[in-house]
Amino acid sequence: MSVTTDTHQSQTKRGIPEPRAILTLLKPITWFPPMWAYLCGAVSVGSAASGHWLGLALGIILAGPIVCGMSQAANDWCDRHVDAINEPHRPIPSGRIPGKWGLWIALFMSAVAAIIGLALGPWGFAATVAAIAAAWAYSAEPVRLKRSGLWGPGLVGLSYESLPWFTGAAVLSAGAPSGPIVIIALLYGIGAHGIMTLNDFKALEGDRQMGVNSLPVTLGPERAARVAAWVMAVPQFIVILLMFHWDRPWFGFFITVSLLAQIAAMQVLLKDPKARAPWYNATGVTLYVSGMMIAAFGLRGLGG
């Protein structure tokens, strides 16, 4: 047995989580959407963001590793009984994060997030507090909005896309974002409800047993996938109409191309939603977030 393995087993026996297990708990793969959305917010305010590299870098780190990482730790702690059914290999149910370390990590990162949010000014701090509250409201009793297939994915979509987009625009322009920025950020957050619904497919059996009424549980995989597809597509169609309305035709054209490619991918998804949801999350979602950045560039120089 290697020295590294011996060390990890020794740490676990002493009630100390392995560093690798902590990183797994924070799920780095989930950090990208809020980091990308914060960057979209910075891009959308154009020249107002120039020279604000510290606010850009600090905000991206806050949105991803810290706030999103915290939300993953909180969710895994609150979901430890469900995960014991769905994914027993996860750090908490497997024992690699022993005792109450999952809770302590989530609480510690909540405090760190609030402190860093202060460095981003009043807008950044207010948005950080809202994000922390949303993370705990989603996962923790007695609120636990993830039990609802409507409110749970909606809250996550707004927290992953709309809130960081709004924050990036507000922090880097040192003021309230313009009306068009707020509208586009909200539309992409609403569309992300569909992405979150597809993400619920992997927990279908455990959610059913534990009373989590996700859309795949309440509607069944086929109907839930169709609802998710419509929820993703309609807000993007509205974005396209707005781009043409705001005299940004080329941006509207390229978002249209992205949406058409997503619709083609949706046809593949709908043939076997449960099996192909992970595939769609790797393909259709990439096209979705590409459209976000195109829209962000289209907003540059567009006043309220």
C-alpha atoms as a PDB file:
ATOM      1  CA  MET A   1       0.000   0.000   0.000  1.00  0.00           C
ATOM      2  CA  SER A   2       1.346   3.455  -0.905  1.00  0.00           C
ATOM      3  CA  VAL A   3       2.330   6.100   1.614  1.00  0.00           C
ATOM      4  CA  THR A   4      -0.354   8.418   0.173  1.00  0.00           C
ATOM      5  CA  THR A   5      -3.109   5.844   0.677  1.00  0.00           C
ATOM      6  CA  ASP A   6      -1.916   5.166   4.231  1.00  0.00           C
ATOM      7  CA  THR A   7      -2.015   8.904   4.964  1.00  0.00           C
ATOM      8  CA  HIS A   8      -5.535   9.277   3.590  1.00  0.00           C
ATOM      9  CA  GLN A   9      -6.812   6.308   5.594  1.00  0.00           C
ATOM     10  CA  SER A  10      -5.113   7.648   8.702  1.00  0.00           C
ATOM     11  CA  GLN A  11      -6.753  11.061   8.200  1.00  0.00           C
ATOM     12  CA  THR A  12     -10.180   9.490   7.799  1.00  0.00           C
ATOM     13  CA  LYS A  13      -9.740   7.344  10.900  1.00  0.00           C
ATOM     14  CA  ARG A  14      -8.833  10.475  12.880  1.00  0.00           C
ATOM     15  CA  GLY A  15     -11.987  12.154  11.648  1.00  0.00           C
ATOM     16  CA  ILE A  16     -10.148  14.502   9.270  1.00  0.00           C
ATOM     17  CA  PRO A  17     -11.339  14.616   5.637  1.00  0.00           C
ATOM     18  CA  GLU A  18      -8.902  13.994   2.813  1.00  0.00           C
ATOM     19  CA  PRO A  19      -7.983  17.090   0.748  1.00  0.00           C
ATOM     20  CA  ARG A  20      -9.038  15.241  -2.400  1.00  0.00           C
ATOM     21  CA  ALA A  21     -12.409  14.446  -0.826  1.00  0.00           C
ATOM     22  CA  ILE A  22     -12.942  18.124   0.037  1.00  0.00           C
ATOM     23  CA  LEU A  23     -12.236  19.095  -3.581  1.00  0.00           C
ATOM     24  CA  THR A  24     -14.684  16.429  -4.752  1.00  0.00           C
ATOM     25  CA  LEU A  25     -17.270  17.785  -2.304  1.00  0.00           C
ATOM     26  CA  LEU A  26     -16.931  21.278  -3.818  1.00  0.00           C
ATOM     27  CA  LYS A  27     -17.493  19.866  -7.364  1.00  0.00           C
ATOM     28  CA  PRO A  28     -15.216  22.064  -9.527  1.00  0.00           C
ATOM     29  CA  ILE A  29     -17.149  21.054 -12.661  1.00  0.00           C
ATOM     30  CA  THR A  30     -20.136  23.067 -11.374  1.00  0.00           C
ATOM     31  CA  TRP A  31     -18.151  26.280 -10.912  1.00  0.00           C
ATOM     32  CA  PHE A  32     -18.098  27.162 -14.597  1.00  0.00           C
ATOM     33  CA  PRO A  33     -21.698  28.445 -15.094  1.00  0.00           C
ATOM     34  CA  PRO A  34     -21.626  31.221 -12.437  1.00  0.00           C
ATOM     35  CA  MET A  35     -18.044  32.171 -13.361  1.00  0.00           C
ATOM     36  CA  TRP A  36     -19.070  32.410 -17.021  1.00  0.00           C
ATOM     37  CA  ALA A  37     -22.194  34.402 -16.138  1.00  0.00           C
ATOM     38  CA  TYR A  38     -20.139  36.870 -14.060  1.00  0.00           C
ATOM     39  CA  LEU A  39     -17.813  37.292 -17.047  1.00  0.00           C
ATOM     40  CA  CYS A  40     -20.862  37.858 -19.279  1.00  0.00           C
ATOM     41  CA  GLY A  41     -21.946  40.610 -16.907  1.00  0.00           C
ATOM     42  CA  ALA A  42     -18.522  42.238 -17.140  1.00  0.00           C
ATOM     43  CA  VAL A  43     -18.537  42.002 -20.935  1.00  0.00           C
ATOM     44  CA  SER A  44     -22.058  43.412 -21.211  1.00  0.00           C
ATOM     45  CA  VAL A  45     -21.108  46.741 -19.585  1.00  0.00           C
ATOM     46  CA  GLY A  46     -18.344  47.261 -22.145  1.00  0.00           C
ATOM     47  CA  SER A  47     -15.906  50.093 -21.574  1.00  0.00           C
ATOM     48  CA  ALA A  48     -17.242  50.695 -18.056  1.00  0.00           C
ATOM     49  CA  ALA A  49     -15.388  47.528 -17.012  1.00  0.00           C
ATOM     50  CA  SER A  50     -12.024  48.530 -18.470  1.00  0.00           C
ATOM     51  CA  GLY A  51      -9.203  48.569 -15.953  1.00  0.00           C
ATOM     52  CA  HIS A  52     -11.237  46.860 -13.234  1.00  0.00           C
ATOM     53  CA  TRP A  53      -9.157  43.691 -13.318  1.00  0.00           C
ATOM     54  CA  LEU A  54      -9.242  43.135  -9.556  1.00  0.00           C
ATOM     55  CA  GLY A  55     -13.041  43.265  -9.458  1.00  0.00           C
ATOM     56  CA  LEU A  56     -13.185  40.917 -12.433  1.00  0.00           C
ATOM     57  CA  ALA A  57     -10.767  38.347 -10.998  1.00  0.00           C
ATOM     58  CA  LEU A  58     -12.135  38.515  -7.454  1.00  0.00           C
ATOM     59  CA  GLY A  59     -15.727  38.272  -8.652  1.00  0.00           C
ATOM     60  CA  ILE A  60     -15.023  35.237 -10.835  1.00  0.00           C
ATOM     61  CA  ILE A  61     -13.286  33.450  -7.952  1.00  0.00           C
ATOM     62  CA  LEU A  62     -16.118  34.384  -5.597  1.00  0.00           C
ATOM     63  CA  ALA A  63     -18.829  33.214  -8.012  1.00  0.00           C
ATOM     64  CA  GLY A  64     -17.160  29.876  -8.759  1.00  0.00           C
ATOM     65  CA  PRO A  65     -14.896  28.182  -6.215  1.00  0.00           C
ATOM     66  CA  ILE A  66     -16.246  30.015  -3.174  1.00  0.00           C
ATOM     67  CA  VAL A  67     -20.003  30.612  -3.505  1.00  0.00           C
ATOM     68  CA  CYS A  68     -20.762  27.760  -5.897  1.00  0.00           C
ATOM     69  CA  GLY A  69     -18.373  25.466  -4.013  1.00  0.00           C
ATOM     70  CA  MET A  70     -20.110  26.408  -0.780  1.00  0.00           C
ATOM     71  CA  SER A  71     -23.504  25.658  -2.287  1.00  0.00           C
ATOM     72  CA  GLN A  72     -22.311  22.207  -3.354  1.00  0.00           C
ATOM     73  CA  ALA A  73     -21.025  21.438   0.149  1.00  0.00           C
ATOM     74  CA  ALA A  74     -24.305  22.638   1.684  1.00  0.00           C
ATOM     75  CA  ASN A  75     -26.332  20.610  -0.794  1.00  0.00           C
ATOM     76  CA  ASP A  76     -24.328  17.435  -0.209  1.00  0.00           C
ATOM     77  CA  TRP A  77     -24.642  17.811   3.555  1.00  0.00           C
ATOM     78  CA  CYS A  78     -28.399  18.361   3.386  1.00  0.00           C
ATOM     79  CA  ASP A  79     -28.727  15.579   0.772  1.00  0.00           C
ATOM     80  CA  ARG A  80     -26.555  12.989   2.503  1.00  0.00           C
ATOM     81  CA  HIS A  81     -29.485  10.587   3.035  1.00  0.00           C
ATOM     82  CA  VAL A  82     -30.636  10.883  -0.587  1.00  0.00           C
ATOM     83  CA  ASP A  83     -27.072  10.475  -1.848  1.00  0.00           C
ATOM     84  CA  ALA A  84     -26.715   7.292   0.207  1.00  0.00           C
ATOM     85  CA  ILE A  85     -29.302   5.854  -2.220  1.00  0.00           C
ATOM     86  CA  ASN A  86     -28.414   7.632  -5.477  1.00  0.00           C
ATOM     87  CA  GLU A  87     -24.650   8.052  -5.223  1.00  0.00           C
ATOM     88  CA  PRO A  88     -23.179   6.293  -2.172  1.00  0.00           C
ATOM     89  CA  HIS A  89     -19.670   6.933  -3.501  1.00  0.00           C
ATOM     90  CA  ARG A  90     -19.971  10.678  -2.824  1.00  0.00           C
ATOM     91  CA  PRO A  91     -17.654  12.052  -0.132  1.00  0.00           C
ATOM     92  CA  ILE A  92     -20.181  12.336   2.712  1.00  0.00           C
ATOM     93  CA  PRO A  93     -22.125   9.045   2.422  1.00  0.00           C
ATOM     94  CA  SER A  94     -18.889   7.162   1.649  1.00  0.00           C
ATOM     95  CA  GLY A  95     -17.284   8.477   4.844  1.00  0.00           C
ATOM     96  CA  ARG A  96     -14.435  10.294   3.107  1.00  0.00           C
ATOM     97  CA  ILE A  97     -15.890  13.484   4.623  1.00  0.00           C
ATOM     98  CA  PRO A  98     -16.506  12.165   8.154  1.00  0.00           C
ATOM     99  CA  GLY A  99     -18.724  13.445  10.940  1.00  0.00           C
ATOM    100  CA  LYS A 100     -20.084  16.948  10.493  1.00  0.00           C
ATOM    101  CA  TRP A 101     -17.184  18.176   8.387  1.00  0.00           C
ATOM    102  CA  GLY A 102     -19.494  18.709   5.394  1.00  0.00           C
ATOM    103  CA  LEU A 103     -21.607  21.131   7.426  1.00  0.00           C
ATOM    104  CA  TRP A 104     -18.579  22.920   8.888  1.00  0.00           C
ATOM    105  CA  ILE A 105     -17.028  23.364   5.447  1.00  0.00           C
ATOM    106  CA  ALA A 106     -20.267  24.844   4.073  1.00  0.00           C
ATOM    107  CA  LEU A 107     -20.629  27.246   7.020  1.00  0.00           C
ATOM    108  CA  PHE A 108     -16.977  28.313   6.866  1.00  0.00           C
ATOM    109  CA  MET A 109     -17.205  28.998   3.124  1.00  0.00           C
ATOM    110  CA  SER A 110     -20.414  30.983   3.645  1.00  0.00           C
ATOM    111  CA  ALA A 111     -18.529  33.285   6.020  1.00  0.00           C
ATOM    112  CA  VAL A 112     -15.550  33.565   3.647  1.00  0.00           C
ATOM    113  CA  ALA A 113     -17.906  34.417   0.767  1.00  0.00           C
ATOM    114  CA  ALA A 114     -19.534  37.228   2.753  1.00  0.00           C
ATOM    115  CA  ILE A 115     -16.132  38.693   3.671  1.00  0.00           C
ATOM    116  CA  ILE A 116     -14.919  38.647   0.069  1.00  0.00           C
ATOM    117  CA  GLY A 117     -18.259  40.077  -1.057  1.00  0.00           C
ATOM    118  CA  LEU A 118     -17.544  43.129   1.105  1.00  0.00           C
ATOM    119  CA  ALA A 119     -14.455  43.804  -1.011  1.00  0.00           C
ATOM    120  CA  LEU A 120     -16.672  44.104  -4.098  1.00  0.00           C
ATOM    121  CA  GLY A 121     -18.624  47.050  -2.737  1.00  0.00           C
ATOM    122  CA  PRO A 122     -22.303  47.318  -1.795  1.00  0.00           C
ATOM    123  CA  TRP A 123     -23.615  45.695  -4.965  1.00  0.00           C
ATOM    124  CA  GLY A 124     -21.176  42.797  -4.710  1.00  0.00           C
ATOM    125  CA  PHE A 125     -21.875  42.266  -1.017  1.00  0.00           C
ATOM    126  CA  ALA A 126     -25.658  42.347  -1.452  1.00  0.00           C
ATOM    127  CA  ALA A 127     -25.464  39.867  -4.326  1.00  0.00           C
ATOM    128  CA  THR A 128     -23.182  37.582  -2.303  1.00  0.00           C
ATOM    129  CA  VAL A 129     -25.568  37.569   0.656  1.00  0.00           C
ATOM    130  CA  ALA A 130     -28.438  36.775  -1.735  1.00  0.00           C
ATOM    131  CA  ALA A 131     -26.439  33.904  -3.245  1.00  0.00           C
ATOM    132  CA  ILE A 132     -25.603  32.460   0.186  1.00  0.00           C
ATOM    133  CA  ALA A 133     -29.256  32.688   1.260  1.00  0.00           C
ATOM    134  CA  ALA A 134     -30.376  31.039  -1.987  1.00  0.00           C
ATOM    135  CA  ALA A 135     -27.925  28.154  -1.543  1.00  0.00           C
ATOM    136  CA  TRP A 136     -29.202  27.330   1.932  1.00  0.00           C
ATOM    137  CA  ALA A 137     -32.857  27.911   0.991  1.00  0.00           C
ATOM    138  CA  TYR A 138     -32.451  25.423  -1.846  1.00  0.00           C
ATOM    139  CA  SER A 139     -30.977  22.628   0.278  1.00  0.00           C
ATOM    140  CA  ALA A 140     -31.757  23.070   3.953  1.00  0.00           C
ATOM    141  CA  GLU A 141     -34.840  22.388   6.029  1.00  0.00           C
ATOM    142  CA  PRO A 142     -37.360  23.769   6.646  1.00  0.00           C
ATOM    143  CA  VAL A 143     -37.369  25.661   3.337  1.00  0.00           C
ATOM    144  CA  ARG A 144     -35.613  23.085   1.108  1.00  0.00           C
ATOM    145  CA  LEU A 145     -36.882  24.406  -2.209  1.00  0.00           C
ATOM    146  CA  LYS A 146     -35.261  21.536  -4.071  1.00  0.00           C
ATOM    147  CA  ARG A 147     -38.301  19.453  -3.073  1.00  0.00           C
ATOM    148  CA  SER A 148     -40.219  21.435  -5.707  1.00  0.00           C
ATOM    149  CA  GLY A 149     -39.686  20.751  -9.380  1.00  0.00           C
ATOM    150  CA  LEU A 150     -40.757  24.336 -10.074  1.00  0.00           C
ATOM    151  CA  TRP A 151     -39.086  26.475  -7.405  1.00  0.00           C
ATOM    152  CA  GLY A 152     -35.907  24.454  -6.929  1.00  0.00           C
ATOM    153  CA  PRO A 153     -34.556  24.514 -10.496  1.00  0.00           C
ATOM    154  CA  GLY A 154     -35.844  28.074 -10.871  1.00  0.00           C
ATOM    155  CA  LEU A 155     -33.850  29.281  -7.887  1.00  0.00           C
ATOM    156  CA  VAL A 156     -30.697  27.513  -9.061  1.00  0.00           C
ATOM    157  CA  GLY A 157     -31.054  28.837 -12.604  1.00  0.00           C
ATOM    158  CA  LEU A 158     -31.395  32.422 -11.379  1.00  0.00           C
ATOM    159  CA  SER A 159     -28.522  31.930  -8.916  1.00  0.00           C
ATOM    160  CA  TYR A 160     -26.201  30.349 -11.492  1.00  0.00           C
ATOM    161  CA  GLU A 161     -26.899  32.685 -14.412  1.00  0.00           C
ATOM    162  CA  SER A 162     -28.927  35.811 -13.613  1.00  0.00           C
ATOM    163  CA  LEU A 163     -27.437  36.788 -10.246  1.00  0.00           C
ATOM    164  CA  PRO A 164     -23.740  36.512 -11.209  1.00  0.00           C
ATOM    165  CA  TRP A 165     -24.437  38.259 -14.542  1.00  0.00           C
ATOM    166  CA  PHE A 166     -26.152  41.113 -12.708  1.00  0.00           C
ATOM    167  CA  THR A 167     -23.333  41.180 -10.137  1.00  0.00           C
ATOM    168  CA  GLY A 168     -20.565  41.316 -12.729  1.00  0.00           C
ATOM    169  CA  ALA A 169     -22.278  44.189 -14.501  1.00  0.00           C
ATOM    170  CA  ALA A 170     -22.972  46.073 -11.256  1.00  0.00           C
ATOM    171  CA  VAL A 171     -19.520  45.621  -9.707  1.00  0.00           C
ATOM    172  CA  LEU A 172     -17.562  46.533 -12.805  1.00  0.00           C
ATOM    173  CA  SER A 173     -19.694  49.552 -13.671  1.00  0.00           C
ATOM    174  CA  ALA A 174     -20.064  50.596  -9.993  1.00  0.00           C
ATOM    175  CA  GLY A 175     -23.805  51.019 -10.324  1.00  0.00           C
ATOM    176  CA  ALA A 176     -27.100  49.414 -11.207  1.00  0.00           C
ATOM    177  CA  PRO A 177     -27.021  47.668 -14.603  1.00  0.00           C
ATOM    178  CA  SER A 178     -29.157  48.989 -17.441  1.00  0.00           C
ATOM    179  CA  GLY A 179     -32.611  47.628 -18.170  1.00  0.00           C
ATOM    180  CA  PRO A 180     -31.507  45.562 -21.193  1.00  0.00           C
ATOM    181  CA  ILE A 181     -28.764  43.871 -19.152  1.00  0.00           C
ATOM    182  CA  VAL A 182     -31.212  42.963 -16.392  1.00  0.00           C
ATOM    183  CA  ILE A 183     -33.732  41.600 -18.906  1.00  0.00           C
ATOM    184  CA  ILE A 184     -31.199  39.415 -20.746  1.00  0.00           C
ATOM    185  CA  ALA A 185     -29.693  38.144 -17.478  1.00  0.00           C
ATOM    186  CA  LEU A 186     -33.159  37.182 -16.236  1.00  0.00           C
ATOM    187  CA  LEU A 187     -34.060  35.432 -19.480  1.00  0.00           C
ATOM    188  CA  TYR A 188     -30.954  33.251 -19.415  1.00  0.00           C
ATOM    189  CA  GLY A 189     -31.567  32.479 -15.736  1.00  0.00           C
ATOM    190  CA  ILE A 190     -35.133  31.414 -16.524  1.00  0.00           C
ATOM    191  CA  GLY A 191     -33.904  29.232 -19.386  1.00  0.00           C
ATOM    192  CA  ALA A 192     -31.425  27.563 -17.036  1.00  0.00           C
ATOM    193  CA  HIS A 193     -34.439  26.085 -15.196  1.00  0.00           C
ATOM    194  CA  GLY A 194     -34.529  23.543 -18.013  1.00  0.00           C
ATOM    195  CA  ILE A 195     -30.844  22.730 -17.590  1.00  0.00           C
ATOM    196  CA  MET A 196     -31.374  22.115 -13.878  1.00  0.00           C
ATOM    197  CA  THR A 197     -34.351  19.861 -14.631  1.00  0.00           C
ATOM    198  CA  LEU A 198     -32.178  17.697 -16.876  1.00  0.00           C
ATOM    199  CA  ASN A 199     -29.605  17.557 -14.097  1.00  0.00           C
ATOM    200  CA  ASP A 200     -32.279  16.036 -11.834  1.00  0.00           C
ATOM    201  CA  PHE A 201     -32.479  12.925 -14.015  1.00  0.00           C
ATOM    202  CA  LYS A 202     -29.422  11.410 -12.349  1.00  0.00           C
ATOM    203  CA  ALA A 203     -31.150  11.460  -8.929  1.00  0.00           C
ATOM    204  CA  LEU A 204     -34.518  10.153 -10.116  1.00  0.00           C
ATOM    205  CA  GLU A 205     -34.725   7.011  -7.968  1.00  0.00           C
ATOM    206  CA  GLY A 206     -33.460   8.560  -4.738  1.00  0.00           C
ATOM    207  CA  ASP A 207     -35.640  11.648  -5.186  1.00  0.00           C
ATOM    208  CA  ARG A 208     -38.689   9.441  -5.627  1.00  0.00           C
ATOM    209  CA  GLN A 209     -37.939   7.516  -2.425  1.00  0.00           C
ATOM    210  CA  MET A 210     -37.112  10.612  -0.356  1.00  0.00           C
ATOM    211  CA  GLY A 211     -40.075  12.742  -1.454  1.00  0.00           C
ATOM    212  CA  VAL A 212     -38.150  15.218  -3.628  1.00  0.00           C
ATOM    213  CA  ASN A 213     -40.732  16.221  -6.234  1.00  0.00           C
ATOM    214  CA  SER A 214     -38.455  17.064  -9.132  1.00  0.00           C
ATOM    215  CA  LEU A 215     -40.068  17.287 -12.558  1.00  0.00           C
ATOM    216  CA  PRO A 216     -38.612  13.918 -13.643  1.00  0.00           C
ATOM    217  CA  VAL A 217     -40.347  12.408 -10.579  1.00  0.00           C
ATOM    218  CA  THR A 218     -43.697  14.177 -10.947  1.00  0.00           C
ATOM    219  CA  LEU A 219     -43.977  14.208 -14.751  1.00  0.00           C
ATOM    220  CA  GLY A 220     -41.869  11.222 -15.741  1.00  0.00           C
ATOM    221  CA  PRO A 221     -38.657  11.447 -17.801  1.00  0.00           C
ATOM    222  CA  GLU A 222     -40.290  11.975 -21.209  1.00  0.00           C
ATOM    223  CA  ARG A 223     -42.658  14.793 -20.230  1.00  0.00           C
ATOM    224  CA  ALA A 224     -40.036  16.417 -17.995  1.00  0.00           C
ATOM    225  CA  ALA A 225     -37.548  16.471 -20.864  1.00  0.00           C
ATOM    226  CA  ARG A 226     -40.083  18.119 -23.168  1.00  0.00           C
ATOM    227  CA  VAL A 227     -40.848  20.769 -20.537  1.00  0.00           C
ATOM    228  CA  ALA A 228     -37.116  21.362 -20.023  1.00  0.00           C
ATOM    229  CA  ALA A 229     -36.590  21.776 -23.769  1.00  0.00           C
ATOM    230  CA  TRP A 230     -39.345  24.387 -24.058  1.00  0.00           C
ATOM    231  CA  VAL A 231     -38.147  26.233 -20.961  1.00  0.00           C
ATOM    232  CA  MET A 232     -34.626  26.461 -22.417  1.00  0.00           C
ATOM    233  CA  ALA A 233     -35.740  27.443 -25.907  1.00  0.00           C
ATOM    234  CA  VAL A 234     -38.428  30.097 -25.307  1.00  0.00           C
ATOM    235  CA  PRO A 235     -36.266  32.600 -23.342  1.00  0.00           C
ATOM    236  CA  GLN A 236     -33.550  32.345 -25.994  1.00  0.00           C
ATOM    237  CA  PHE A 237     -36.115  33.070 -28.693  1.00  0.00           C
ATOM    238  CA  ILE A 238     -37.108  36.196 -26.766  1.00  0.00           C
ATOM    239  CA  VAL A 239     -33.423  37.170 -26.540  1.00  0.00           C
ATOM    240  CA  ILE A 240     -33.185  36.860 -30.314  1.00  0.00           C
ATOM    241  CA  LEU A 241     -36.233  39.081 -30.823  1.00  0.00           C
ATOM    242  CA  LEU A 242     -34.788  41.670 -28.450  1.00  0.00           C
ATOM    243  CA  MET A 243     -31.448  41.709 -30.259  1.00  0.00           C
ATOM    244  CA  PHE A 244     -33.192  42.515 -33.515  1.00  0.00           C
ATOM    245  CA  HIS A 245     -35.423  45.049 -31.748  1.00  0.00           C
ATOM    246  CA  TRP A 246     -32.324  46.754 -30.280  1.00  0.00           C
ATOM    247  CA  ASP A 247     -30.716  46.885 -33.735  1.00  0.00           C
ATOM    248  CA  ARG A 248     -28.187  44.145 -32.998  1.00  0.00           C
ATOM    249  CA  PRO A 249     -29.035  41.893 -35.979  1.00  0.00           C
ATOM    250  CA  TRP A 250     -25.729  40.033 -36.227  1.00  0.00           C
ATOM    251  CA  PHE A 251     -25.854  39.065 -32.585  1.00  0.00           C
ATOM    252  CA  GLY A 252     -29.439  37.956 -33.024  1.00  0.00           C
ATOM    253  CA  PHE A 253     -28.387  35.891 -36.058  1.00  0.00           C
ATOM    254  CA  PHE A 254     -25.612  34.018 -34.227  1.00  0.00           C
ATOM    255  CA  ILE A 255     -27.826  33.330 -31.204  1.00  0.00           C
ATOM    256  CA  THR A 256     -30.382  31.942 -33.665  1.00  0.00           C
ATOM    257  CA  VAL A 257     -27.739  29.567 -35.051  1.00  0.00           C
ATOM    258  CA  SER A 258     -26.940  28.460 -31.493  1.00  0.00           C
ATOM    259  CA  LEU A 259     -30.623  27.881 -30.707  1.00  0.00           C
ATOM    260  CA  LEU A 260     -31.201  25.874 -33.891  1.00  0.00           C
ATOM    261  CA  ALA A 261     -28.258  23.639 -33.019  1.00  0.00           C
ATOM    262  CA  GLN A 262     -29.738  23.158 -29.542  1.00  0.00           C
ATOM    263  CA  ILE A 263     -33.097  22.217 -31.025  1.00  0.00           C
ATOM    264  CA  ALA A 264     -31.370  19.567 -33.141  1.00  0.00           C
ATOM    265  CA  ALA A 265     -29.683  18.223 -29.994  1.00  0.00           C
ATOM    266  CA  MET A 266     -33.031  18.271 -28.191  1.00  0.00           C
ATOM    267  CA  GLN A 267     -34.451  15.883 -30.792  1.00  0.00           C
ATOM    268  CA  VAL A 268     -31.729  13.403 -29.851  1.00  0.00           C
ATOM    269  CA  LEU A 269     -32.391  13.972 -26.146  1.00  0.00           C
ATOM    270  CA  LEU A 270     -36.125  13.339 -26.444  1.00  0.00           C
ATOM    271  CA  LYS A 271     -35.601   9.881 -27.970  1.00  0.00           C
ATOM    272  CA  ASP A 272     -34.275   8.608 -24.616  1.00  0.00           C
ATOM    273  CA  PRO A 273     -34.248  11.430 -22.041  1.00  0.00           C
ATOM    274  CA  LYS A 274     -32.983   9.496 -19.049  1.00  0.00           C
ATOM    275  CA  ALA A 275     -30.018   7.990 -20.887  1.00  0.00           C
ATOM    276  CA  ARG A 276     -29.167  11.039 -22.980  1.00  0.00           C
ATOM    277  CA  ALA A 277     -29.548  13.824 -20.400  1.00  0.00           C
ATOM    278  CA  PRO A 278     -25.800  13.696 -19.552  1.00  0.00           C
ATOM    279  CA  TRP A 279     -24.961  13.886 -23.262  1.00  0.00           C
ATOM    280  CA  TYR A 280     -27.216  16.908 -23.704  1.00  0.00           C
ATOM    281  CA  ASN A 281     -25.685  18.600 -20.688  1.00  0.00           C
ATOM    282  CA  ALA A 282     -22.322  18.363 -22.448  1.00  0.00           C
ATOM    283  CA  THR A 283     -23.517  19.511 -25.878  1.00  0.00           C
ATOM    284  CA  GLY A 284     -26.690  21.575 -25.695  1.00  0.00           C
ATOM    285  CA  VAL A 285     -25.568  23.436 -22.590  1.00  0.00           C
ATOM    286  CA  THR A 286     -22.293  24.396 -24.302  1.00  0.00           C
ATOM    287  CA  LEU A 287     -24.344  25.970 -27.085  1.00  0.00           C
ATOM    288  CA  TYR A 288     -26.579  27.672 -24.506  1.00  0.00           C
ATOM    289  CA  VAL A 289     -23.715  29.366 -22.676  1.00  0.00           C
ATOM    290  CA  SER A 290     -22.104  30.329 -25.987  1.00  0.00           C
ATOM    291  CA  GLY A 291     -25.292  32.226 -26.791  1.00  0.00           C
ATOM    292  CA  MET A 292     -25.002  33.982 -23.424  1.00  0.00           C
ATOM    293  CA  MET A 293     -21.614  35.428 -24.319  1.00  0.00           C
ATOM    294  CA  ILE A 294     -22.834  36.467 -27.762  1.00  0.00           C
ATOM    295  CA  ALA A 295     -25.707  38.296 -26.098  1.00  0.00           C
ATOM    296  CA  ALA A 296     -23.302  39.918 -23.638  1.00  0.00           C
ATOM    297  CA  PHE A 297     -21.267  41.396 -26.493  1.00  0.00           C
ATOM    298  CA  GLY A 298     -24.510  42.495 -28.123  1.00  0.00           C
ATOM    299  CA  LEU A 299     -25.398  44.511 -24.999  1.00  0.00           C
ATOM    300  CA  ARG A 300     -22.215  46.564 -25.024  1.00  0.00           C
ATOM    301  CA  GLY A 301     -23.008  50.230 -25.448  1.00  0.00           C
ATOM    302  CA  LEU A 302     -26.739  49.640 -25.161  1.00  0.00           C
ATOM    303  CA  GLY A 303     -28.265  52.078 -22.681  1.00  0.00           C
ATOM    304  CA  GLY A 304     -31.338  51.639 -20.498  1.00  0.00           C
END
